[in-house]
Amino acid sequence: MKKGLLSIFTLILPILTFAQESTSKISMDERIEAWFKPVSDVVSSIVFYPISIVGRDVPIVIIILLLGALYFTIYNRFANFRLLGVAIRATRGKYDEIDHHVAETVAGDSTPNDDGDSFETIQKEDVIGEVTHFQALTAALSATVGLGNIAGVSVAIAVGGPGATIWMILAGLLGMSSKLVEATLGVKYREVGEDGKIYGGPMYYLTKGLKEKGLGVLGKILAVFFAIMVVGGSFGGGNMFQANQAAAQFKILANTTSGSAGFWFGVVLAALVGLVIIGGIKRIGKVTEKVVPFMAIIFVGASLVIIFMNFSLIPDAVLEIWDGAFKADSALGGIIGVMIVGFQRAAFSNEAGVGSASIAHAAVKTRFPASEGIVASIGPFIDTVVICTMTALVIIIVNLKNSLFAYGDVVSKEVLLNSNGERIGGVDLTSLAFETAIPNFSIVLTVAVILFAFSSMLSWSYYGLQGWTYLFGRGKFADIVFKSLFLIMAVVGASSSLGSVIDFSDAMIFAMVFPNIIGLLILAPKVKKEIKRYLIAIGHTKKE
C-alpha cells in the first residue's frame, strides 16, 4: 500500500513544487497549465470523443448517459414517475420503522432474495449504515447542486435559446432512473469495515455484482478504473474547480486585485472543509442536511421573487420555451440542435449515471437497498427539474423585460455580448439577469456560489476517499494522506487559473460513466427485484 501511495505522491509532487515556486518568473498557473495540458488534451479527446449529429458535435459520453437513462426508465416501468410519492415519503422518514424493523412487516416470509437470504435471515441482523435517508440525499445533492445550476443553465439558454429548458427537464426526469439503479446497487453491495464505517459505490458493485454473473475479471478491471477516475475527479472538478470559482467570485465582490487574495481564501476554505471531512460521512451528512436546504432556499427563493414580481410575463416566457423547443429554425436540424444543448447541460448538472452519488447513498441506514435507490431518484428532480428550471425562467423573463441579449446560434455561437459590447456567458449571464431584477444581488450570488463550492467539496472528498481506500487499503494512514492532499489541492485551486486541470478533471469524472453504465446494465435485473421486495415490505405492492 505504501508503495502505491508513494507513486501517487510522485505524480502529484510536480504540482506541489509549482505551488511553492511562486516567486519564479513563470507563474504557478502557467506551470500547472504546461504540466497538465498534454495529458489533459489526450484524456479529454478520448472521453469527450464527438459524434456529429445534424452538424453539431456531441460527446459520446452524453449519448451513453441519455440512452442508459431511457433504458432504465422503460425497464423499471417508469419507476421514476410512479414512485415519486414513495420517494418523498421515504425521505421524510415515514417508512423508517418498517425499514429498520423488518420483523414487524414481513415476519414469516421465507422467500429468498438474489443472494439466497430470506427475510427471516435478514431481520435478525442489526441495521447497518451511518446516515439517514435525508442526510444521504443532501450529501449526494451537495456534489451536484452548484455551478452547473448557475452557469450551466445560462450556457444552455444563451447557446440553444429558451427551448433548451424543456430538453433539460426531460433529461433530468430520465436521469432519475439512472440514480435509482446506481444507488440501489450501492447499498446492496456495500461493505462494513471493522470500525463500522461503510464502504460502497461502483467499485464494490462492479467487483461483487459482476463476479456473481461470472464476470469477475471484467468487474475488477472496471472497478479499479472507476476508482482511479473518482480520485482524480475529486481533486479536480470536485475540489480545485470549486475553490477556484468561489475565490474568483469572492475577489469580485471584495473588489481586490491582491495577488495573494486567492491563496488566503483557499487557506480559509481548506480549513473549514478540513474541520468537516475529518469526521467522515456522519459529519458531512450533518452539515449538508443544513447547508443544502439553506442554499437551495436562497437561490430558489430569489428566483421565485423575480418570477412573481414579473408574473404577467410568465405566459410569454413559457411560450418562448415551448416554441424554442419545437420550432427552432423551423427545421428538424434546429430542433435537434436545441435538444442536444439541453441534454448536454442537464447531464453535466445532475451527473446521473456517473455513479459518484451511489457512494454517498451507500452509507444510509437501511435494510432495503431499493429504499435508498428510490430516495436517490429525487436528486435529478431537485437539481435539474426544479433548480435549473428556476434559473432558466429568471433569465428568460428578465431578458423579455430588459432585452439584455439576443439568443445565440445553437450550431456556432458560444459567446454573447451585452449592450456595451462586453463578453458574457455562464455565471456572468446569470449574475447579470439577477442583478438587473434585484439590485446588489451579487452579494447573495457570492454567498450561494461559496456555499455551493463548499458543499460540493465535502461530498467529493468522501467520493475520492472511497476510491482511494479501494485502491490503497483502509486505515488511518491512507485516510490522512488523502485528506491532506485534498486540502492542499483546495489552496492550489483557489490560487490559480487552472484551465487544463479542469478539462482533465472533468474528463476523469465523465470517464466514470463507461464502467458504471456497463455495470448498471448487467445488474439491472437485481435492482428490479429489490424494488419489488421493498414495495411489498412497505405495503405499496401486494405479494403475488
Protein backbone atom coordinates (compact mmCIF):
# COMPACT_ATOMS: atom_id res chain seq x y z
CA MET A 1 0.00 0.00 0.00
CA LYS A 2 2.80 2.40 0.91
CA LYS A 3 4.46 1.84 -2.46
CA GLY A 4 1.20 2.72 -4.16
CA LEU A 5 0.84 5.86 -2.09
CA LEU A 6 4.42 6.81 -2.85
CA SER A 7 3.65 6.50 -6.56
CA ILE A 8 0.72 8.86 -6.20
CA PHE A 9 2.89 11.32 -4.30
CA THR A 10 5.41 11.17 -7.12
CA LEU A 11 2.74 12.03 -9.66
CA ILE A 12 1.41 14.94 -7.63
CA LEU A 13 4.78 16.26 -6.44
CA PRO A 14 5.30 18.46 -9.53
CA ILE A 15 2.05 20.30 -8.72
CA LEU A 16 3.18 20.99 -5.16
CA THR A 17 6.58 22.10 -6.44
CA PHE A 18 4.92 24.58 -8.80
CA ALA A 19 2.86 25.90 -5.88
CA GLN A 20 6.00 26.58 -3.87
CA GLU A 21 7.93 28.29 -6.70
CA SER A 22 5.57 31.23 -6.94
CA THR A 23 8.48 33.66 -6.95
CA SER A 24 9.73 32.33 -10.29
CA LYS A 25 9.36 34.33 -13.47
CA ILE A 26 6.85 31.76 -14.69
CA SER A 27 3.64 31.98 -12.65
CA MET A 28 2.20 28.98 -10.84
CA ASP A 29 -0.86 28.72 -13.06
CA GLU A 30 1.36 28.76 -16.17
CA ARG A 31 3.49 25.94 -14.75
CA ILE A 32 0.42 23.86 -13.93
CA GLU A 33 -1.05 24.53 -17.36
CA ALA A 34 2.21 23.41 -19.00
CA TRP A 35 2.37 20.26 -16.90
CA PHE A 36 -1.20 19.12 -17.39
CA LYS A 37 -2.09 20.35 -20.87
CA PRO A 38 -0.61 17.45 -22.91
CA VAL A 39 -2.26 14.87 -20.65
CA SER A 40 -5.47 16.87 -20.46
CA ASP A 41 -5.76 17.08 -24.23
CA VAL A 42 -5.33 13.33 -24.69
CA VAL A 43 -7.75 12.30 -21.93
CA SER A 44 -10.38 14.87 -22.95
CA SER A 45 -10.22 13.85 -26.61
CA ILE A 46 -10.93 10.22 -25.63
CA VAL A 47 -13.66 10.77 -23.05
CA PHE A 48 -15.42 13.53 -24.96
CA TYR A 49 -14.95 11.92 -28.37
CA PRO A 50 -17.59 13.62 -30.53
CA ILE A 51 -20.20 12.18 -32.85
CA SER A 52 -21.67 14.55 -35.39
CA ILE A 53 -25.47 14.94 -35.26
CA VAL A 54 -27.08 17.42 -37.67
CA GLY A 55 -23.80 19.24 -37.98
CA ARG A 56 -23.15 19.52 -34.22
CA ASP A 57 -20.54 17.51 -32.34
CA VAL A 58 -21.99 15.64 -29.37
CA PRO A 59 -19.70 13.87 -26.85
CA ILE A 60 -20.34 10.14 -26.98
CA VAL A 61 -20.44 10.06 -23.17
CA ILE A 62 -23.58 12.22 -23.23
CA ILE A 63 -25.27 9.86 -25.69
CA ILE A 64 -24.43 6.89 -23.46
CA LEU A 65 -25.85 8.65 -20.40
CA LEU A 66 -29.13 9.51 -22.14
CA LEU A 67 -29.66 6.13 -23.77
CA GLY A 68 -28.87 4.41 -20.47
CA ALA A 69 -31.35 6.62 -18.60
CA LEU A 70 -34.04 5.93 -21.21
CA TYR A 71 -33.45 2.17 -20.96
CA PHE A 72 -33.67 2.15 -17.15
CA THR A 73 -36.84 4.23 -17.27
CA ILE A 74 -38.59 1.77 -19.59
CA TYR A 75 -37.10 -1.35 -17.95
CA ASN A 76 -38.34 -0.37 -14.48
CA ARG A 77 -41.76 0.66 -15.85
CA PHE A 78 -41.31 4.41 -15.27
CA ALA A 79 -40.48 3.97 -11.59
CA ASN A 80 -39.03 7.49 -11.61
CA PHE A 81 -42.59 8.83 -12.06
CA ARG A 82 -44.86 6.26 -10.40
CA LEU A 83 -42.75 6.00 -7.22
CA LEU A 84 -42.14 9.72 -6.71
CA GLY A 85 -44.65 9.80 -3.84
CA VAL A 86 -42.92 6.83 -2.19
CA ALA A 87 -39.57 8.60 -2.60
CA ILE A 88 -40.80 11.75 -0.87
CA ARG A 89 -42.38 9.80 2.00
CA ALA A 90 -39.25 7.66 2.46
CA THR A 91 -37.06 10.78 2.52
CA ARG A 92 -39.25 12.26 5.24
CA GLY A 93 -38.79 9.06 7.27
CA LYS A 94 -42.33 7.68 7.03
CA TYR A 95 -41.09 4.14 6.37
CA ASP A 96 -38.14 4.17 8.79
CA GLU A 97 -39.93 1.99 11.31
CA ILE A 98 -40.60 -0.64 8.67
CA ASP A 99 -37.17 -0.19 7.16
CA HIS A 100 -35.38 -0.71 10.48
CA HIS A 101 -37.68 -3.39 11.91
CA VAL A 102 -38.38 -5.86 9.14
CA ALA A 103 -39.90 -8.40 11.53
CA GLU A 104 -42.98 -6.24 12.09
CA THR A 105 -43.76 -6.24 8.39
CA VAL A 106 -42.55 -9.47 6.85
CA ALA A 107 -42.23 -11.91 9.72
CA GLY A 108 -42.52 -15.45 8.49
CA ASP A 109 -41.74 -14.63 4.88
CA SER A 110 -39.01 -17.02 3.81
CA THR A 111 -38.89 -16.01 0.15
CA PRO A 112 -35.18 -15.82 -0.75
CA ASN A 113 -33.69 -12.79 -2.41
CA ASP A 114 -30.93 -12.75 -5.06
CA ASP A 115 -28.26 -13.69 -2.53
CA GLY A 116 -30.21 -16.66 -1.19
CA ASP A 117 -31.12 -14.88 2.05
CA SER A 118 -34.69 -14.84 3.29
CA PHE A 119 -36.48 -12.06 5.14
CA GLU A 120 -36.26 -14.23 8.26
CA THR A 121 -32.46 -14.24 7.96
CA ILE A 122 -32.17 -10.52 7.30
CA GLN A 123 -34.46 -9.44 10.13
CA LYS A 124 -32.12 -10.97 12.72
CA GLU A 125 -29.27 -8.65 11.70
CA ASP A 126 -28.76 -5.19 13.17
CA VAL A 127 -29.49 -2.44 10.69
CA ILE A 128 -26.26 -1.00 9.32
CA GLY A 129 -25.44 2.45 7.98
CA GLU A 130 -24.13 5.80 9.11
CA VAL A 131 -26.65 8.42 7.88
CA THR A 132 -30.39 8.86 7.39
CA HIS A 133 -32.16 8.87 4.02
CA PHE A 134 -32.37 12.65 4.12
CA GLN A 135 -28.69 13.10 5.03
CA ALA A 136 -27.59 10.73 2.25
CA LEU A 137 -29.74 12.61 -0.27
CA THR A 138 -28.39 16.02 0.76
CA ALA A 139 -24.81 14.71 0.74
CA ALA A 140 -25.29 13.49 -2.82
CA LEU A 141 -27.12 16.67 -3.85
CA SER A 142 -24.36 18.85 -2.43
CA ALA A 143 -21.99 17.40 -5.03
CA THR A 144 -24.27 18.21 -7.99
CA VAL A 145 -26.24 21.30 -6.98
CA GLY A 146 -23.80 24.06 -7.76
CA LEU A 147 -22.24 25.93 -10.62
CA GLY A 148 -23.93 23.65 -13.13
CA ASN A 149 -27.24 25.13 -12.00
CA ILE A 150 -25.94 28.71 -12.12
CA ALA A 151 -23.56 28.72 -15.07
CA GLY A 152 -24.66 25.61 -16.99
CA VAL A 153 -28.23 26.78 -17.45
CA SER A 154 -27.02 30.14 -18.71
CA VAL A 155 -24.89 28.45 -21.35
CA ALA A 156 -27.84 26.30 -22.45
CA ILE A 157 -30.15 29.32 -22.77
CA ALA A 158 -27.51 31.52 -24.39
CA VAL A 159 -26.47 28.96 -26.99
CA GLY A 160 -29.65 26.95 -27.52
CA GLY A 161 -32.27 29.56 -26.70
CA PRO A 162 -35.22 29.21 -24.28
CA GLY A 163 -36.26 25.89 -25.86
CA ALA A 164 -33.26 24.14 -24.32
CA THR A 165 -35.11 24.32 -21.00
CA ILE A 166 -37.63 21.64 -21.98
CA TRP A 167 -34.90 19.23 -23.01
CA MET A 168 -33.02 19.88 -19.75
CA ILE A 169 -36.16 18.99 -17.82
CA LEU A 170 -36.68 15.81 -19.86
CA ALA A 171 -33.07 14.77 -19.33
CA GLY A 172 -33.48 15.38 -15.59
CA LEU A 173 -36.61 13.23 -15.44
CA LEU A 174 -34.87 10.39 -17.28
CA GLY A 175 -31.80 10.78 -15.09
CA MET A 176 -33.93 9.93 -12.06
CA SER A 177 -34.00 6.31 -13.31
CA SER A 178 -30.21 6.08 -13.52
CA LYS A 179 -29.85 7.42 -9.97
CA LEU A 180 -32.41 4.88 -8.73
CA VAL A 181 -30.47 1.96 -10.22
CA GLU A 182 -26.97 3.01 -9.14
CA ALA A 183 -27.97 3.97 -5.58
CA THR A 184 -29.81 0.66 -5.08
CA LEU A 185 -26.72 -1.25 -6.16
CA GLY A 186 -24.53 0.97 -4.00
CA VAL A 187 -26.41 -0.16 -0.89
CA LYS A 188 -26.83 -3.78 -1.98
CA TYR A 189 -23.11 -4.42 -2.45
CA ARG A 190 -21.66 -2.16 0.24
CA GLU A 191 -19.18 -3.41 2.81
CA VAL A 192 -18.80 -2.64 6.51
CA GLY A 193 -15.33 -2.09 7.94
CA GLU A 194 -14.18 -3.33 11.33
CA ASP A 195 -14.72 0.17 12.70
CA GLY A 196 -18.32 0.23 11.46
CA LYS A 197 -17.62 2.57 8.54
CA ILE A 198 -19.47 1.92 5.31
CA TYR A 199 -17.66 1.39 2.01
CA GLY A 200 -19.76 1.42 -1.11
CA GLY A 201 -20.24 2.67 -4.63
CA PRO A 202 -19.47 1.44 -8.15
CA MET A 203 -16.11 -0.02 -7.06
CA TYR A 204 -17.97 -2.55 -4.96
CA TYR A 205 -21.00 -3.37 -7.10
CA LEU A 206 -18.78 -3.72 -10.16
CA THR A 207 -16.46 -6.11 -8.30
CA LYS A 208 -19.02 -8.18 -6.39
CA GLY A 209 -22.04 -7.88 -8.67
CA LEU A 210 -20.23 -8.83 -11.86
CA LYS A 211 -18.47 -11.67 -10.03
CA GLU A 212 -21.91 -13.12 -9.26
CA LYS A 213 -22.56 -13.01 -13.01
CA GLY A 214 -19.34 -14.91 -13.75
CA LEU A 215 -17.60 -11.73 -14.91
CA GLY A 216 -15.19 -11.31 -12.00
CA VAL A 217 -12.14 -10.25 -14.03
CA LEU A 218 -14.11 -7.66 -16.02
CA GLY A 219 -15.68 -6.35 -12.80
CA LYS A 220 -12.30 -5.92 -11.13
CA ILE A 221 -10.85 -4.05 -14.12
CA LEU A 222 -13.86 -1.73 -14.33
CA ALA A 223 -13.80 -1.13 -10.57
CA VAL A 224 -10.11 -0.16 -10.50
CA PHE A 225 -10.60 2.14 -13.49
CA PHE A 226 -13.57 3.79 -11.79
CA ALA A 227 -11.65 4.22 -8.51
CA ILE A 228 -8.74 5.95 -10.25
CA MET A 229 -11.12 8.29 -12.06
CA VAL A 230 -13.10 9.19 -8.94
CA VAL A 231 -9.89 10.08 -7.06
CA GLY A 232 -8.74 12.31 -9.93
CA GLY A 233 -12.19 13.85 -10.27
CA SER A 234 -12.35 14.60 -6.56
CA PHE A 235 -9.05 16.51 -6.68
CA GLY A 236 -10.02 18.44 -9.82
CA GLY A 237 -13.67 19.11 -10.63
CA GLY A 238 -14.84 18.30 -7.10
CA ASN A 239 -12.24 20.45 -5.38
CA MET A 240 -9.85 22.69 -7.34
CA PHE A 241 -12.51 23.97 -9.73
CA GLN A 242 -14.95 24.64 -6.88
CA ALA A 243 -12.33 26.52 -4.84
CA ASN A 244 -11.20 28.46 -7.91
CA GLN A 245 -14.69 29.67 -8.82
CA ALA A 246 -15.59 30.53 -5.23
CA ALA A 247 -12.36 32.52 -4.87
CA ALA A 248 -12.99 34.34 -8.15
CA GLN A 249 -16.50 35.36 -7.08
CA PHE A 250 -15.22 36.46 -3.67
CA LYS A 251 -12.48 38.64 -5.22
CA ILE A 252 -15.03 40.31 -7.47
CA LEU A 253 -17.28 41.12 -4.51
CA ALA A 254 -14.33 42.27 -2.39
CA ASN A 255 -13.03 44.29 -5.36
CA THR A 256 -9.48 43.16 -4.68
CA THR A 257 -6.63 42.63 -7.11
CA SER A 258 -4.20 41.36 -4.49
CA GLY A 259 -2.03 38.53 -5.79
CA SER A 260 -2.39 36.66 -2.51
CA ALA A 261 -6.17 37.05 -2.06
CA GLY A 262 -6.92 33.72 -3.73
CA PHE A 263 -4.29 31.94 -1.65
CA TRP A 264 -5.64 33.17 1.68
CA PHE A 265 -9.21 32.49 0.61
CA GLY A 266 -8.11 28.96 -0.25
CA VAL A 267 -6.45 28.52 3.15
CA VAL A 268 -9.63 29.55 4.98
CA LEU A 269 -11.82 27.39 2.74
CA ALA A 270 -9.49 24.38 3.17
CA ALA A 271 -9.57 24.85 6.95
CA LEU A 272 -13.38 24.87 7.00
CA VAL A 273 -13.57 21.82 4.73
CA GLY A 274 -10.97 20.05 6.86
CA LEU A 275 -12.99 20.57 10.03
CA VAL A 276 -15.91 18.74 8.42
CA ILE A 277 -14.28 15.92 6.44
CA ILE A 278 -12.18 14.78 9.41
CA GLY A 279 -15.42 13.50 10.92
CA GLY A 280 -16.26 11.35 7.88
CA ILE A 281 -19.66 10.82 6.26
CA LYS A 282 -21.54 11.26 9.55
CA ARG A 283 -20.33 14.82 9.97
CA ILE A 284 -20.61 15.51 6.23
CA GLY A 285 -24.23 14.34 6.37
CA LYS A 286 -24.99 16.55 9.37
CA VAL A 287 -23.52 19.61 7.65
CA THR A 288 -25.06 19.04 4.22
CA GLU A 289 -28.53 18.43 5.63
CA LYS A 290 -28.38 22.05 6.84
CA VAL A 291 -26.31 23.70 4.10
CA VAL A 292 -28.07 22.20 1.05
CA PRO A 293 -31.63 23.22 2.02
CA PHE A 294 -30.33 26.66 3.06
CA MET A 295 -28.54 27.35 -0.21
CA ALA A 296 -31.44 25.94 -2.21
CA ILE A 297 -33.82 28.28 -0.35
CA ILE A 298 -31.52 31.26 -1.08
CA PHE A 299 -31.29 30.57 -4.79
CA VAL A 300 -34.77 29.22 -5.48
CA GLY A 301 -36.27 31.85 -3.18
CA ALA A 302 -34.62 34.69 -5.09
CA SER A 303 -35.75 33.08 -8.35
CA LEU A 304 -39.36 32.88 -7.18
CA VAL A 305 -39.29 36.52 -6.06
CA ILE A 306 -38.20 37.62 -9.54
CA ILE A 307 -40.70 35.32 -11.25
CA PHE A 308 -43.64 36.57 -9.21
CA MET A 309 -42.51 40.19 -9.50
CA ASN A 310 -42.94 39.69 -13.24
CA PHE A 311 -45.97 37.42 -13.04
CA SER A 312 -47.52 38.88 -16.20
CA LEU A 313 -44.51 37.75 -18.25
CA ILE A 314 -44.74 34.09 -17.24
CA PRO A 315 -47.08 33.12 -20.16
CA ASP A 316 -44.72 34.79 -22.63
CA ALA A 317 -41.73 33.01 -21.10
CA VAL A 318 -43.46 29.62 -21.26
CA LEU A 319 -44.41 30.32 -24.88
CA GLU A 320 -40.79 31.15 -25.72
CA ILE A 321 -39.66 27.92 -24.11
CA TRP A 322 -42.24 25.83 -25.99
CA ASP A 323 -41.69 27.49 -29.35
CA GLY A 324 -37.93 27.36 -28.93
CA ALA A 325 -38.05 23.63 -28.21
CA PHE A 326 -40.14 22.61 -31.23
CA LYS A 327 -39.89 25.43 -33.76
CA ALA A 328 -36.17 26.17 -33.73
CA ASP A 329 -35.28 27.48 -37.20
CA SER A 330 -38.48 25.79 -38.45
CA ALA A 331 -36.36 22.76 -39.31
CA LEU A 332 -35.56 19.37 -37.80
CA GLY A 333 -31.88 20.25 -37.57
CA GLY A 334 -32.63 23.31 -35.45
CA ILE A 335 -34.87 21.34 -33.09
CA ILE A 336 -32.28 18.60 -32.64
CA GLY A 337 -29.60 21.25 -32.07
CA VAL A 338 -31.59 22.79 -29.22
CA MET A 339 -32.34 19.31 -27.85
CA ILE A 340 -28.65 18.44 -27.78
CA VAL A 341 -27.75 21.63 -25.91
CA GLY A 342 -30.42 20.95 -23.26
CA PHE A 343 -29.49 17.29 -22.82
CA GLN A 344 -25.79 18.05 -22.58
CA ARG A 345 -26.12 20.75 -19.91
CA ALA A 346 -28.52 18.60 -17.85
CA ALA A 347 -26.11 15.66 -17.93
CA PHE A 348 -23.29 17.86 -16.67
CA SER A 349 -25.55 19.29 -13.99
CA ASN A 350 -27.02 16.21 -12.28
CA GLU A 351 -24.35 13.59 -13.16
CA ALA A 352 -26.99 10.83 -13.23
CA GLY A 353 -25.27 7.67 -14.48
CA VAL A 354 -21.79 8.81 -13.45
CA GLY A 355 -22.01 6.61 -10.33
CA SER A 356 -20.49 9.06 -7.86
CA ALA A 357 -23.72 9.69 -5.93
CA SER A 358 -24.11 5.99 -5.13
CA ILE A 359 -21.04 6.31 -2.88
CA ALA A 360 -22.88 8.72 -0.57
CA HIS A 361 -26.16 6.81 -0.76
CA ALA A 362 -24.39 3.56 0.20
CA ALA A 363 -23.85 4.89 3.75
CA VAL A 364 -27.58 5.08 4.54
CA LYS A 365 -29.20 3.24 7.45
CA THR A 366 -31.48 0.72 5.78
CA ARG A 367 -32.17 -2.96 5.28
CA PHE A 368 -33.66 -2.46 1.85
CA PRO A 369 -31.28 -1.33 -0.94
CA ALA A 370 -34.20 -0.12 -3.07
CA SER A 371 -35.40 2.21 -0.31
CA GLU A 372 -32.34 4.39 -0.88
CA GLY A 373 -32.48 3.94 -4.63
CA ILE A 374 -35.99 5.35 -4.69
CA VAL A 375 -34.93 8.24 -2.42
CA ALA A 376 -31.91 8.94 -4.64
CA SER A 377 -34.17 9.33 -7.67
CA ILE A 378 -35.33 12.66 -6.21
CA GLY A 379 -31.83 14.09 -6.76
CA PRO A 380 -32.02 14.87 -10.50
CA PHE A 381 -35.58 16.14 -9.99
CA ILE A 382 -34.44 18.73 -7.44
CA ASP A 383 -31.19 19.53 -9.23
CA THR A 384 -32.37 19.80 -12.83
CA VAL A 385 -36.16 19.91 -12.94
CA VAL A 386 -36.59 22.41 -10.08
CA ILE A 387 -33.44 24.48 -9.62
CA CYS A 388 -32.30 24.59 -13.26
CA THR A 389 -35.83 25.45 -14.40
CA MET A 390 -36.00 28.31 -11.88
CA THR A 391 -32.71 29.69 -13.22
CA ALA A 392 -33.92 29.41 -16.82
CA LEU A 393 -37.20 31.18 -16.08
CA VAL A 394 -35.40 34.07 -14.39
CA ILE A 395 -33.03 34.55 -17.33
CA ILE A 396 -35.84 34.36 -19.90
CA ILE A 397 -38.25 36.64 -18.00
CA VAL A 398 -35.60 39.28 -17.24
CA ASN A 399 -34.48 39.20 -20.85
CA LEU A 400 -38.06 39.64 -22.07
CA LYS A 401 -38.37 42.71 -19.87
CA ASN A 402 -34.96 44.30 -20.44
CA SER A 403 -33.60 42.80 -23.70
CA LEU A 404 -30.22 42.03 -22.15
CA PHE A 405 -29.04 39.87 -25.03
CA ALA A 406 -30.06 38.03 -28.20
CA TYR A 407 -30.12 34.24 -28.08
CA GLY A 408 -27.21 32.56 -29.83
CA ASP A 409 -26.90 30.18 -32.75
CA VAL A 410 -27.20 26.58 -31.49
CA VAL A 411 -24.62 25.45 -34.01
CA SER A 412 -21.86 28.01 -33.81
CA LYS A 413 -22.34 30.87 -31.35
CA GLU A 414 -20.86 30.10 -27.93
CA VAL A 415 -20.33 33.64 -26.61
CA LEU A 416 -22.75 36.54 -26.16
CA LEU A 417 -22.18 40.27 -25.91
CA ASN A 418 -24.23 42.64 -23.78
CA SER A 419 -25.43 46.08 -24.88
CA ASN A 420 -21.98 47.54 -24.09
CA GLY A 421 -20.24 45.01 -26.30
CA GLU A 422 -18.79 43.15 -23.28
CA ARG A 423 -18.50 39.37 -23.31
CA ILE A 424 -20.96 37.50 -21.11
CA GLY A 425 -21.64 33.83 -20.56
CA GLY A 426 -22.09 31.22 -17.85
CA VAL A 427 -22.25 32.63 -14.34
CA ASP A 428 -21.83 36.17 -15.73
CA LEU A 429 -25.13 35.89 -17.57
CA THR A 430 -26.97 34.53 -14.52
CA SER A 431 -25.47 37.28 -12.38
CA LEU A 432 -26.49 39.91 -14.94
CA ALA A 433 -30.08 38.64 -15.00
CA PHE A 434 -30.42 38.54 -11.21
CA GLU A 435 -28.62 41.85 -10.70
CA THR A 436 -30.95 43.52 -13.21
CA ALA A 437 -34.02 42.28 -11.33
CA ILE A 438 -32.68 42.59 -7.77
CA PRO A 439 -30.10 45.35 -7.10
CA ASN A 440 -26.99 44.18 -5.24
CA PHE A 441 -27.88 40.54 -5.84
CA SER A 442 -24.18 39.88 -6.49
CA ILE A 443 -23.77 39.66 -2.71
CA VAL A 444 -26.37 36.90 -2.48
CA LEU A 445 -24.92 35.17 -5.54
CA THR A 446 -21.45 35.22 -3.98
CA VAL A 447 -22.80 33.58 -0.81
CA ALA A 448 -24.59 30.98 -2.95
CA VAL A 449 -21.51 30.22 -5.06
CA ILE A 450 -19.31 29.83 -1.96
CA LEU A 451 -21.87 27.55 -0.30
CA PHE A 452 -22.25 25.52 -3.50
CA ALA A 453 -18.47 25.16 -3.73
CA PHE A 454 -18.11 24.28 -0.03
CA SER A 455 -20.81 21.61 -0.08
CA SER A 456 -19.54 20.12 -3.37
CA MET A 457 -16.07 19.81 -1.86
CA LEU A 458 -17.44 18.00 1.18
CA SER A 459 -19.16 15.30 -0.85
CA TRP A 460 -16.38 14.91 -3.40
CA SER A 461 -13.85 14.49 -0.59
CA TYR A 462 -15.88 11.49 0.54
CA TYR A 463 -16.17 10.13 -3.01
CA GLY A 464 -12.43 10.46 -3.56
CA LEU A 465 -11.61 8.89 -0.20
CA GLN A 466 -13.75 5.86 -1.04
CA GLY A 467 -11.89 5.40 -4.33
CA TRP A 468 -8.56 5.94 -2.57
CA THR A 469 -9.22 3.32 0.13
CA TYR A 470 -10.42 0.85 -2.52
CA LEU A 471 -7.08 1.23 -4.32
CA PHE A 472 -4.68 1.51 -1.38
CA GLY A 473 -6.45 -0.12 1.54
CA ARG A 474 -8.30 1.08 4.61
CA GLY A 475 -6.63 2.64 7.59
CA LYS A 476 -5.74 5.89 9.29
CA PHE A 477 -2.59 6.41 7.23
CA ALA A 478 -4.41 6.18 3.88
CA ASP A 479 -7.18 8.37 5.27
CA ILE A 480 -4.80 11.10 6.44
CA VAL A 481 -2.77 11.08 3.22
CA PHE A 482 -5.83 11.53 1.02
CA LYS A 483 -7.42 14.26 3.14
CA SER A 484 -4.13 16.16 3.37
CA LEU A 485 -3.71 16.09 -0.41
CA PHE A 486 -7.34 17.10 -0.87
CA LEU A 487 -6.92 20.20 1.32
CA ILE A 488 -3.66 21.17 -0.40
CA MET A 489 -5.41 20.97 -3.77
CA ALA A 490 -8.10 23.33 -2.45
CA VAL A 491 -5.46 26.00 -1.77
CA VAL A 492 -3.80 25.45 -5.15
CA GLY A 493 -7.17 25.65 -6.90
CA ALA A 494 -8.14 28.92 -5.21
CA SER A 495 -4.74 30.44 -6.03
CA SER A 496 -4.53 29.61 -9.70
CA SER A 497 -6.06 29.68 -13.15
CA LEU A 498 -6.35 26.02 -13.98
CA GLY A 499 -7.91 25.64 -17.41
CA SER A 500 -6.20 22.41 -18.43
CA VAL A 501 -6.51 20.90 -14.98
CA ILE A 502 -10.26 21.49 -15.06
CA ASP A 503 -10.60 19.97 -18.53
CA PHE A 504 -8.66 16.98 -17.29
CA SER A 505 -10.68 16.52 -14.10
CA ASP A 506 -13.99 16.89 -15.95
CA ALA A 507 -12.81 14.19 -18.32
CA MET A 508 -11.94 11.95 -15.37
CA ILE A 509 -15.36 12.47 -13.81
CA PHE A 510 -17.19 11.59 -17.01
CA ALA A 511 -14.83 8.71 -17.76
CA MET A 512 -16.57 7.11 -14.77
CA VAL A 513 -19.65 6.77 -16.97
CA PHE A 514 -18.22 3.99 -19.12
CA PRO A 515 -17.55 1.35 -16.40
CA ASN A 516 -20.58 2.44 -14.39
CA ILE A 517 -23.16 2.15 -17.18
CA ILE A 518 -21.78 -1.27 -18.18
CA GLY A 519 -22.29 -2.45 -14.61
CA LEU A 520 -25.75 -0.92 -14.32
CA LEU A 521 -26.95 -2.63 -17.49
CA ILE A 522 -25.67 -6.04 -16.39
CA LEU A 523 -27.07 -5.73 -12.85
CA ALA A 524 -30.41 -4.06 -13.72
CA PRO A 525 -32.44 -7.27 -13.07
CA LYS A 526 -31.22 -7.34 -9.47
CA VAL A 527 -32.45 -3.77 -8.99
CA LYS A 528 -35.91 -4.65 -10.30
CA LYS A 529 -36.17 -7.48 -7.73
CA GLU A 530 -35.01 -5.18 -4.92
CA ILE A 531 -37.65 -2.58 -5.86
CA LYS A 532 -40.39 -5.22 -5.72
CA ARG A 533 -39.11 -6.53 -2.40
CA TYR A 534 -39.16 -3.06 -0.80
CA LEU A 535 -42.59 -2.11 -2.15
CA ILE A 536 -44.03 -5.33 -0.68
CA ALA A 537 -42.42 -4.59 2.70
CA ILE A 538 -43.96 -1.11 2.96
CA GLY A 539 -47.33 -2.33 1.73
CA HIS A 540 -47.23 -0.41 -1.53
CA THR A 541 -47.46 -3.62 -3.57
CA LYS A 542 -49.20 -6.86 -2.64
CA LYS A 543 -47.42 -10.20 -2.72
CA GLU A 544 -48.23 -12.25 -5.77
